[in-house]
Protein backbone atom coordinates (compact mmCIF):
# COMPACT_ATOMS: atom_id res chain seq x y z
CA MET A 1 147.62 139.82 123.15
CA ALA A 2 145.19 137.17 122.02
CA TYR A 3 141.46 136.60 122.17
CA PHE A 4 139.78 133.26 123.01
CA ASP A 5 136.19 132.48 122.12
CA LYS A 6 133.84 130.37 124.26
CA TYR A 7 135.27 127.15 122.77
CA GLY A 8 138.83 128.10 123.64
CA VAL A 9 139.76 128.86 120.01
CA GLU A 10 142.59 131.38 119.90
CA PHE A 11 142.45 134.48 117.70
CA SER A 12 144.62 137.52 117.18
CA ASP A 13 143.69 140.56 119.26
CA ASP A 14 141.75 142.08 116.34
CA ARG A 15 140.02 138.69 115.84
CA LYS A 16 140.90 138.62 112.15
CA THR A 17 143.32 135.70 112.36
CA LEU A 18 142.34 132.28 113.69
CA ILE A 19 145.50 131.01 115.40
CA LYS A 20 144.71 127.66 117.05
CA CYS A 21 141.78 125.45 117.91
CA PRO A 22 142.14 123.30 121.07
CA GLU A 23 143.05 119.73 120.19
CA ASP A 24 140.23 118.38 122.36
CA PHE A 25 137.52 120.35 120.53
CA ALA A 26 134.73 117.99 119.46
CA GLY A 27 131.89 118.32 116.97
CA THR A 28 131.14 121.17 114.56
CA TYR A 29 132.95 124.50 114.47
CA ILE A 30 131.29 127.42 112.68
CA MET A 31 133.89 130.11 112.13
CA PRO A 32 132.77 133.56 113.31
CA PRO A 33 132.44 136.42 110.79
CA ASN A 34 135.27 138.88 110.08
CA VAL A 35 138.00 136.18 110.21
CA HIS A 36 140.38 136.97 107.33
CA ASN A 37 143.21 134.50 107.93
CA ILE A 38 143.56 130.91 109.12
CA GLN A 39 147.04 130.34 110.48
CA SER A 40 149.15 127.30 109.57
CA LYS A 41 148.33 124.21 111.66
CA ALA A 42 145.31 126.01 113.14
CA PHE A 43 143.39 122.73 113.53
CA TYR A 44 146.41 120.45 113.86
CA LYS A 45 145.60 117.22 115.73
CA CYS A 46 141.96 118.18 116.34
CA SER A 47 141.05 114.51 116.07
CA LYS A 48 137.49 115.00 117.40
CA LEU A 49 136.61 117.77 114.94
CA LYS A 50 133.85 116.43 112.68
CA SER A 51 132.64 119.42 110.71
CA ILE A 52 133.79 122.96 109.96
CA VAL A 53 132.24 125.96 108.21
CA ILE A 54 134.68 128.52 106.79
CA ALA A 55 133.58 132.16 107.12
CA ASP A 56 132.74 134.24 104.05
CA THR A 57 135.48 136.76 104.95
CA VAL A 58 138.42 134.31 104.90
CA LYS A 59 141.03 135.35 102.34
CA ASN A 60 144.14 133.38 103.33
CA ILE A 61 144.55 129.79 104.56
CA GLY A 62 147.92 128.60 105.87
CA ARG A 63 149.75 125.29 105.44
CA GLU A 64 148.93 121.99 107.13
CA VAL A 65 145.74 123.43 108.64
CA PHE A 66 143.85 120.13 109.01
CA ILE A 67 146.72 117.70 109.55
CA ALA A 68 145.68 114.72 111.75
CA CYS A 69 141.99 115.69 111.87
CA LEU A 70 141.16 111.98 111.70
CA ASN A 71 137.38 112.30 112.12
CA LEU A 72 136.81 115.34 109.92
CA GLU A 73 134.07 114.45 107.44
CA HIS A 74 132.42 117.72 106.46
CA ILE A 75 134.04 120.92 105.18
CA SER A 76 132.11 123.82 103.71
CA VAL A 77 132.83 127.41 102.79
CA TYR A 78 130.19 130.06 103.36
CA PRO A 79 128.59 130.59 99.91
CA ILE A 80 129.39 134.30 99.46
CA ASN A 81 133.13 133.91 100.08
CA LYS A 82 134.93 135.50 97.10
CA VAL A 83 138.23 133.60 97.42
CA TYR A 84 137.22 130.03 98.36
CA ASP A 85 134.24 127.77 97.71
CA SER A 86 132.88 124.26 98.26
CA ARG A 87 131.36 123.77 94.83
CA ASP A 88 129.02 120.84 94.19
CA ASN A 89 128.90 120.02 97.93
CA CYS A 90 132.35 118.50 97.52
CA ASN A 91 133.26 118.55 101.25
CA ALA A 92 136.46 120.43 100.50
CA ILE A 93 137.92 123.92 100.27
CA MET A 94 138.50 125.04 96.69
CA GLU A 95 140.40 128.16 95.66
CA THR A 96 137.89 129.67 93.27
CA GLN A 97 140.12 131.46 90.78
CA SER A 98 142.73 128.73 90.30
CA ASP A 99 140.43 125.68 90.69
CA THR A 100 142.85 124.32 93.29
CA LEU A 101 141.65 121.85 95.92
CA VAL A 102 143.21 123.37 99.04
CA TYR A 103 142.02 120.97 101.75
CA GLY A 104 139.76 117.94 101.80
CA CYS A 105 138.69 115.12 104.11
CA LYS A 106 137.80 111.44 103.96
CA THR A 107 134.36 112.12 102.42
CA THR A 108 135.56 114.60 99.79
CA ILE A 109 134.41 114.14 96.21
CA ILE A 110 137.05 115.87 94.09
CA PRO A 111 135.16 118.25 91.75
CA LEU A 112 135.46 117.63 88.01
CA THR A 113 136.61 121.25 87.60
CA THR A 114 139.71 120.71 89.78
CA LYS A 115 143.04 121.50 88.13
CA ARG A 116 145.46 121.23 91.03
CA ILE A 117 145.58 119.44 94.40
CA ASN A 118 147.37 121.45 97.06
CA ASP A 119 150.30 120.44 99.29
CA PHE A 120 149.03 118.51 102.35
CA ALA A 121 145.47 118.57 100.96
CA PHE A 122 144.64 115.07 102.29
CA ALA A 123 147.65 114.37 104.51
CA LEU A 124 146.91 111.81 107.25
CA CYS A 125 143.40 111.28 105.87
CA TYR A 126 143.27 107.78 107.31
CA GLY A 127 139.75 106.89 106.21
CA MET A 128 140.45 107.07 102.49
CA ILE A 129 140.46 103.65 100.74
CA ASP A 130 139.84 104.32 97.02
CA LEU A 131 140.99 107.41 95.14
CA LYS A 132 140.13 108.37 91.59
CA ILE A 133 141.64 111.63 90.41
CA PRO A 134 139.27 113.22 87.87
CA SER A 135 140.37 114.08 84.36
CA GLY A 136 141.52 117.68 84.20
CA VAL A 137 143.79 117.58 87.25
CA THR A 138 147.31 118.47 86.12
CA HIS A 139 149.27 118.75 89.36
CA ILE A 140 149.42 117.00 92.75
CA GLY A 141 151.43 118.79 95.43
CA LYS A 142 153.92 117.68 98.07
CA PHE A 143 152.57 115.42 100.81
CA ALA A 144 149.11 115.75 99.25
CA PHE A 145 148.12 112.22 100.30
CA ALA A 146 150.96 111.47 102.71
CA GLY A 147 150.05 109.15 105.56
CA CYS A 148 146.80 107.90 104.00
CA GLY A 149 147.51 104.53 105.59
CA ARG A 150 144.39 102.76 104.35
CA LEU A 151 144.60 103.87 100.73
CA ILE A 152 144.56 100.72 98.60
CA SER A 153 143.90 101.85 95.04
CA LEU A 154 144.69 104.99 93.05
CA GLU A 155 143.57 105.92 89.55
CA LEU A 156 145.34 108.72 87.69
CA PRO A 157 144.14 110.42 84.48
CA ASP A 158 146.10 111.25 81.35
CA SER A 159 145.91 114.96 82.23
CA ILE A 160 148.40 114.62 85.13
CA GLN A 161 151.61 116.45 84.30
CA SER A 162 153.42 116.44 87.64
CA ILE A 163 153.25 114.76 91.03
CA GLU A 164 155.59 116.31 93.57
CA SER A 165 157.84 114.42 95.96
CA ASP A 166 156.33 112.56 98.91
CA ALA A 167 152.81 113.03 97.57
CA PHE A 168 152.03 109.44 98.60
CA MET A 169 154.59 108.99 101.37
CA GLU A 170 153.67 106.31 103.94
CA CYS A 171 150.79 105.02 101.82
CA THR A 172 151.93 101.55 102.79
CA ARG A 173 148.84 99.69 101.52
CA LEU A 174 148.84 101.31 98.09
CA THR A 175 149.20 98.26 95.84
CA SER A 176 147.09 99.34 92.86
CA ILE A 177 147.97 102.42 90.76
CA VAL A 178 145.99 102.62 87.54
CA VAL A 179 147.51 104.85 84.84
CA PRO A 180 146.65 105.00 81.11
CA LEU A 181 148.01 101.89 79.43
CA GLY A 182 151.26 102.60 77.66
CA GLN A 183 152.13 105.53 79.96
CA GLU A 184 153.57 103.52 82.84
CA GLU A 185 157.10 104.88 82.40
CA ARG A 186 155.93 108.50 82.20
CA PHE A 187 154.09 108.25 85.50
CA ALA A 188 156.81 106.22 87.20
CA ALA A 189 159.29 109.01 86.38
CA MET A 190 157.27 111.61 88.33
CA ASP A 191 158.83 112.56 91.67
CA GLY A 192 155.92 111.46 93.78
CA LEU A 193 155.68 108.02 92.13
CA ARG A 194 159.31 106.98 91.84
CA ASN A 195 158.93 104.54 94.73
CA PHE A 196 155.83 103.00 93.10
CA ALA A 197 157.30 102.07 89.71
CA ASP A 198 156.81 98.34 90.33
CA THR A 199 153.27 98.90 91.61
CA ILE A 200 152.35 100.79 88.43
CA LYS A 201 153.82 98.05 86.25
CA ASN A 202 152.16 95.21 88.18
CA THR A 203 148.78 96.98 88.18
CA SER A 204 148.85 97.30 84.39
CA ALA A 205 149.75 93.61 84.12
CA ARG A 206 146.81 92.64 86.35
CA ARG A 207 144.46 94.83 84.31
CA LEU A 208 145.51 93.08 81.11
CA ALA A 209 145.01 89.71 82.81
CA ASN A 210 141.60 90.77 84.20
CA THR A 211 142.59 89.98 87.81
CA GLN A 212 142.76 93.56 89.09
CA GLU A 213 139.23 93.83 90.52
CA ASN A 214 139.43 90.51 92.39
CA GLU A 215 142.72 91.45 94.02
CA ILE A 216 141.40 94.83 95.15
CA TYR A 217 138.30 93.12 96.56
CA GLU A 218 140.48 90.74 98.60
CA GLN A 219 142.54 93.66 99.89
CA LYS A 220 139.43 95.53 101.00
CA LYS A 221 138.13 92.44 102.77
CA LEU A 222 141.43 92.08 104.59
CA LEU A 223 141.37 95.77 105.48
CA LEU A 224 137.89 95.47 107.00
CA MET A 225 138.98 92.47 109.07
CA GLU A 226 142.01 94.37 110.35
CA ALA A 227 139.83 97.38 111.16
CA ALA A 228 137.53 95.11 113.20
CA LYS A 229 140.52 93.68 115.08
CA GLU A 230 141.81 97.18 115.71
CA TYR A 231 138.43 98.21 117.12
CA LEU A 232 138.34 95.19 119.43
CA THR A 233 141.90 95.91 120.58
CA ARG A 234 141.00 99.47 121.44
CA HIS A 235 137.71 98.68 123.15
CA GLY A 236 138.33 95.13 124.37
CA ASN A 237 139.51 96.12 127.85
CA HIS A 238 136.46 98.31 128.28
CA VAL A 239 134.17 95.42 127.30
CA ASP A 240 136.01 93.00 129.59
CA ASN A 241 135.71 95.40 132.53
CA LYS A 242 132.00 95.71 131.95
CA GLN A 243 131.64 91.94 131.80
CA ASN A 244 133.56 91.59 135.07
CA GLN A 245 131.32 94.17 136.71
CA HIS A 246 128.25 92.25 135.63
CA THR A 247 129.62 88.89 136.81
CA GLN A 248 128.81 89.69 140.45
CA GLY A 249 125.17 89.14 141.12
CA SER A 250 124.69 87.59 137.69
CA THR A 251 122.41 84.86 139.12
CA GLU A 252 120.00 87.39 140.61
CA LYS A 253 120.02 89.45 137.44
CA SER A 254 119.38 86.41 135.27
CA LYS A 255 116.39 85.49 137.40
CA MET A 256 115.08 89.03 137.22
CA GLN A 257 115.59 89.07 133.43
CA GLU A 258 113.74 85.76 133.15
CA ARG A 259 110.78 87.17 135.11
CA GLU A 260 110.77 90.28 132.95
CA GLN A 261 110.86 88.12 129.81
CA ILE A 262 107.87 86.08 131.00
CA ALA A 263 105.96 89.28 131.79
CA LYS A 264 106.74 90.64 128.33
CA GLU A 265 105.52 87.43 126.69
CA ASN A 266 102.28 87.56 128.69
CA ARG A 267 101.70 91.16 127.67
CA ARG A 268 102.39 90.26 124.07
CA ILE A 269 99.90 87.37 124.14
CA PHE A 270 97.28 89.62 125.76
CA ILE A 271 97.75 92.27 123.03
CA ILE A 272 97.46 89.63 120.29
CA ILE A 273 94.19 88.35 121.81
CA ILE A 274 92.78 91.89 122.01
CA ILE A 275 93.73 92.57 118.38
CA ALA A 276 92.11 89.30 117.31
CA ILE A 277 88.89 90.13 119.18
CA LEU A 278 88.78 93.63 117.67
CA GLY A 279 89.34 92.19 114.21
CA LEU A 280 86.50 89.71 114.71
CA VAL A 281 84.17 92.48 115.91
CA MET A 282 85.04 94.58 112.85
CA LEU A 283 84.31 91.65 110.52
CA ILE A 284 80.94 91.02 112.20
CA ASN A 285 80.04 94.72 111.99
CA ALA A 286 81.07 94.85 108.35
CA LYS A 287 78.89 91.81 107.55
CA CYS A 288 75.91 93.26 109.42
CA ALA A 289 76.35 96.58 107.66
CA LYS A 290 76.37 94.83 104.28
CA THR A 291 73.17 92.94 105.19
CA ARG A 292 71.46 96.15 106.27
CA SER A 293 72.63 97.85 103.12
CA ASN A 294 71.27 95.09 100.89
CA HIS A 295 67.93 95.19 102.72
CA HIS A 296 67.73 98.95 102.21
CA TYR A 297 68.19 98.58 98.44
CA ASP A 298 65.55 95.86 98.35
CA LEU A 299 63.05 98.39 99.67
CA PHE A 300 64.16 101.11 97.24
CA ASP A 301 61.51 102.13 94.74
CA PRO A 302 62.94 103.98 91.70
CA SER A 303 59.62 105.68 91.15
CA MET A 304 59.73 107.35 94.54
CA GLU A 305 60.52 111.06 94.56
CA TYR A 306 63.11 112.08 97.15
CA ARG A 307 63.02 115.53 98.59
CA HIS A 308 65.15 117.26 101.24
CA THR A 309 63.08 118.22 104.23
C-alpha cells in the first residue's frame, strides 16, 4: 500500500518514507512533517523542481536523490532537524555531525566547515561553471560532480586527500584544474583525476605564464555564445510559428499600430503641456508669495506687542 499527497508524491503507507515525486512536478516542494526517510532517486529527473524544504524529522536520505534536477536552485533543511542542516544559507543538505555535504545544486556555496563531499552530491548539475573547493575538504566521493557538462574551472585545496573514481566523469569542458603548485603529481594520481593529468599540468603552466585568467575568460565567453545558440535552437520553431501567425493581416495591424502610436504621442505632448503650465503657475504663485511676504515684513514693527486673542 502507498499514500499519495495532493501533488502526486508517493509515500509509504505510514507516510514516514518519501518514495517518489512525479517527474512533472514544478515549483517548490515543502516536505510534510513526520517524514523520516527519503528513498533513493526520490526526485530523480524532476527537471522542473526549483526549490525544496526538507522536514525537521528526516533522519535518512538515500542515494542519487536529486539526479537530473536541472532547475533546482534552492535547498533548505528545516532549522530544528537534528541530523541535517543548511548552515550559512548554503543551498545544500549538510550532515551535521560529519560535516559532509550530502546534496547540493547549481547555486550552492560550499560551507567553509565542509570536510567531505558525498557521492552524487552535484551529479548532472548542469548550471555549474566555476568550482572552488574550500580549504578543509578532505574527500570527494564517487560521481560527486559527474555530468557537470558546463564546468570549466576547478580549484582544489591542499587539504584534499582523496578523490574517488568518476568524481568528474563527463565534465567535458573542464580545461582548468588549479592545484597547489608543486603538487601536480599527487593530485593527478588520485582516482578521480587520473584522466585529467594533462589538464592539471597545463593549468599550472598557464598560471606560471600568467595566461590562465584570459583563457578562462575566453572559455566562458564561448560557453555563453553556445548557450544562446542552444536557446535559439530550442525556441526557434516556436518563434517562427508566431511570426508566421502574425504575417497574415500584418498590413492591417501595422496601420492600427501606427494609429495607436500617433495617439500615444498626442497624449504624451498633452501631458507635457499640462506639466509645463502647472510648473509656470507654481513659479508665479511662489513669486507672489515672496512679494507678499516681503511686504508683510516691511510693515512689521519690532516694538509692537503680539498677543494671542
